[in-house]
């Protein structure tokens, strides 16, 4: 049986996600956790690497309060989505995939399905990871 974790090692969210205080999560506003997900210590999740929306005309998109500033999108772009009952092991790295096209470096969303186990020290940099039929393991 594995040793019990120290009390206070994990933060538990309202949806049952358990996130280690020793994990490194960047860009939390661009990460969606489905619920009942465990993120262990020293795991790195790079939500700060996301595709920024390009505004076609900044002059026509002003805020409703009349300040003249461009209005901020109500939903920021999502970099990483993790499904329900997923497990991110120690020292695993989740990073959205990217592409260099005509000198422009662009990031694409990373979607991890339900019931996915990401093993220790695994590096996941894919557009979609998981299997629609059930359990998926990355070691």
Protein backbone atom coordinates (compact mmCIF):
# COMPACT_ATOMS: atom_id res chain seq x y z
CA UNK A 1 0.00 0.00 0.00
CA UNK A 2 1.41 3.45 -0.90
CA UNK A 3 2.18 5.81 1.96
CA UNK A 4 -0.51 8.30 2.96
CA UNK A 5 0.01 11.85 1.75
CA UNK A 6 0.47 14.60 4.30
CA UNK A 7 -2.71 16.44 5.19
CA UNK A 8 -2.85 19.62 3.17
CA UNK A 9 -0.72 18.20 0.35
CA UNK A 10 -3.67 18.36 -2.05
CA UNK A 11 -6.18 21.08 -2.80
CA UNK A 12 -9.65 19.67 -3.46
CA UNK A 13 -12.01 21.63 -5.71
CA UNK A 14 -15.81 21.68 -5.61
CA UNK A 15 -15.95 19.14 -8.47
CA UNK A 16 -13.68 16.67 -6.66
CA UNK A 17 -10.40 17.44 -8.43
CA UNK A 18 -7.33 16.87 -6.26
CA UNK A 19 -4.34 19.02 -7.14
CA UNK A 20 -0.98 18.77 -5.39
CA UNK A 21 0.34 21.99 -3.92
CA UNK A 22 3.74 20.99 -5.32
CA UNK A 23 2.51 20.80 -8.93
CA UNK A 24 3.31 23.61 -11.37
CA UNK A 25 0.21 24.85 -13.15
CA UNK A 26 0.64 27.85 -15.44
CA UNK A 27 -2.24 29.80 -16.98
CA UNK A 28 -5.02 28.38 -14.83
CA UNK A 29 -7.64 30.49 -16.61
CA UNK A 30 -6.93 28.48 -19.79
CA UNK A 31 -7.29 25.01 -18.18
CA UNK A 32 -10.53 23.05 -17.72
CA UNK A 33 -10.68 20.04 -15.38
CA UNK A 34 -13.65 17.72 -15.84
CA UNK A 35 -13.92 16.51 -12.26
CA UNK A 36 -12.47 13.77 -10.05
CA UNK A 37 -9.05 14.41 -11.64
CA UNK A 38 -5.83 13.90 -9.66
CA UNK A 39 -2.70 15.95 -10.39
CA UNK A 40 0.31 14.72 -8.44
CA UNK A 41 3.37 16.58 -7.17
CA UNK A 42 5.91 18.01 -9.62
CA UNK A 43 3.50 17.65 -12.56
CA UNK A 44 3.71 20.57 -14.99
CA UNK A 45 0.64 21.80 -16.87
CA UNK A 46 1.27 24.62 -19.34
CA UNK A 47 -2.03 26.45 -19.74
CA UNK A 48 -0.14 29.64 -20.54
CA UNK A 49 0.68 28.26 -23.99
CA UNK A 50 -2.56 29.01 -25.81
CA UNK A 51 -3.74 30.40 -29.12
CA UNK A 52 -4.51 34.06 -28.68
CA UNK A 53 -7.53 35.25 -30.61
CA UNK A 54 -6.65 37.71 -33.33
CA UNK A 55 -8.92 40.72 -33.49
CA UNK A 56 -9.92 41.62 -37.03
CA UNK A 57 -10.78 45.24 -36.29
CA UNK A 58 -9.99 46.75 -32.94
CA UNK A 59 -11.85 49.98 -33.73
CA UNK A 60 -15.23 48.27 -34.16
CA UNK A 61 -14.98 46.14 -31.02
CA UNK A 62 -15.27 48.61 -28.17
CA UNK A 63 -16.69 47.90 -24.77
CA UNK A 64 -20.33 48.50 -23.95
CA UNK A 65 -19.45 50.90 -21.13
CA UNK A 66 -18.29 53.51 -23.66
CA UNK A 67 -14.68 53.69 -22.48
CA UNK A 68 -13.34 53.02 -25.97
CA UNK A 69 -11.17 50.15 -24.81
CA UNK A 70 -11.44 46.88 -26.74
CA UNK A 71 -13.89 44.54 -25.05
CA UNK A 72 -12.37 41.44 -23.50
CA UNK A 73 -13.81 38.09 -24.59
CA UNK A 74 -16.08 36.60 -21.93
CA UNK A 75 -14.53 33.14 -22.42
CA UNK A 76 -10.75 33.10 -22.69
CA UNK A 77 -9.37 30.58 -25.14
CA UNK A 78 -8.87 27.12 -23.66
CA UNK A 79 -5.38 25.61 -23.87
CA UNK A 80 -5.88 22.31 -22.00
CA UNK A 81 -9.04 20.32 -21.27
CA UNK A 82 -8.78 17.27 -19.00
CA UNK A 83 -11.74 14.88 -18.75
CA UNK A 84 -13.27 13.19 -15.72
CA UNK A 85 -11.48 10.57 -13.62
CA UNK A 86 -8.06 11.31 -15.12
CA UNK A 87 -4.78 10.86 -13.26
CA UNK A 88 -1.66 12.92 -13.93
CA UNK A 89 1.36 11.25 -12.28
CA UNK A 90 4.46 12.79 -10.72
CA UNK A 91 6.72 14.83 -12.99
CA UNK A 92 4.41 14.46 -16.00
CA UNK A 93 4.32 17.39 -18.43
CA UNK A 94 1.18 18.46 -20.30
CA UNK A 95 1.90 20.96 -23.04
CA UNK A 96 -0.39 22.03 -25.90
CA UNK A 97 0.86 21.11 -29.39
CA UNK A 98 2.29 23.86 -31.55
CA UNK A 99 3.13 24.53 -35.16
CA UNK A 100 5.44 26.94 -36.92
CA UNK A 101 3.79 28.15 -40.13
CA UNK A 102 5.19 31.00 -42.23
CA UNK A 103 7.20 32.29 -39.31
CA UNK A 104 4.25 32.32 -36.90
CA UNK A 105 4.33 29.98 -33.91
CA UNK A 106 0.77 28.88 -33.09
CA UNK A 107 -0.49 26.70 -30.24
CA UNK A 108 -3.48 24.36 -30.55
CA UNK A 109 -5.73 23.05 -27.74
CA UNK A 110 -4.81 19.83 -25.91
CA UNK A 111 -7.82 17.64 -25.06
CA UNK A 112 -7.38 14.70 -22.70
CA UNK A 113 -10.38 12.37 -22.48
CA UNK A 114 -12.05 10.66 -19.54
CA UNK A 115 -10.38 7.83 -17.60
CA UNK A 116 -6.85 8.68 -18.80
CA UNK A 117 -3.73 7.74 -16.83
CA UNK A 118 -0.61 9.78 -17.63
CA UNK A 119 2.43 7.98 -16.23
CA UNK A 120 5.36 9.28 -14.27
CA UNK A 121 7.70 11.57 -16.27
CA UNK A 122 5.50 11.29 -19.40
CA UNK A 123 5.39 14.27 -21.77
CA UNK A 124 2.06 14.78 -23.53
CA UNK A 125 2.02 17.22 -26.44
CA UNK A 126 -0.85 16.11 -28.66
CA UNK A 127 -4.11 17.57 -29.94
CA UNK A 128 -6.26 14.76 -28.52
CA UNK A 129 -5.29 12.08 -26.06
CA UNK A 130 -7.61 9.31 -24.90
CA UNK A 131 -9.96 6.70 -26.26
CA UNK A 132 -13.72 7.17 -26.65
CA UNK A 133 -14.38 3.58 -25.53
CA UNK A 134 -12.71 3.79 -22.13
CA UNK A 135 -9.41 3.67 -20.27
CA UNK A 136 -6.25 5.05 -21.88
CA UNK A 137 -2.73 4.80 -20.40
CA UNK A 138 0.35 6.85 -21.29
CA UNK A 139 3.47 5.56 -19.60
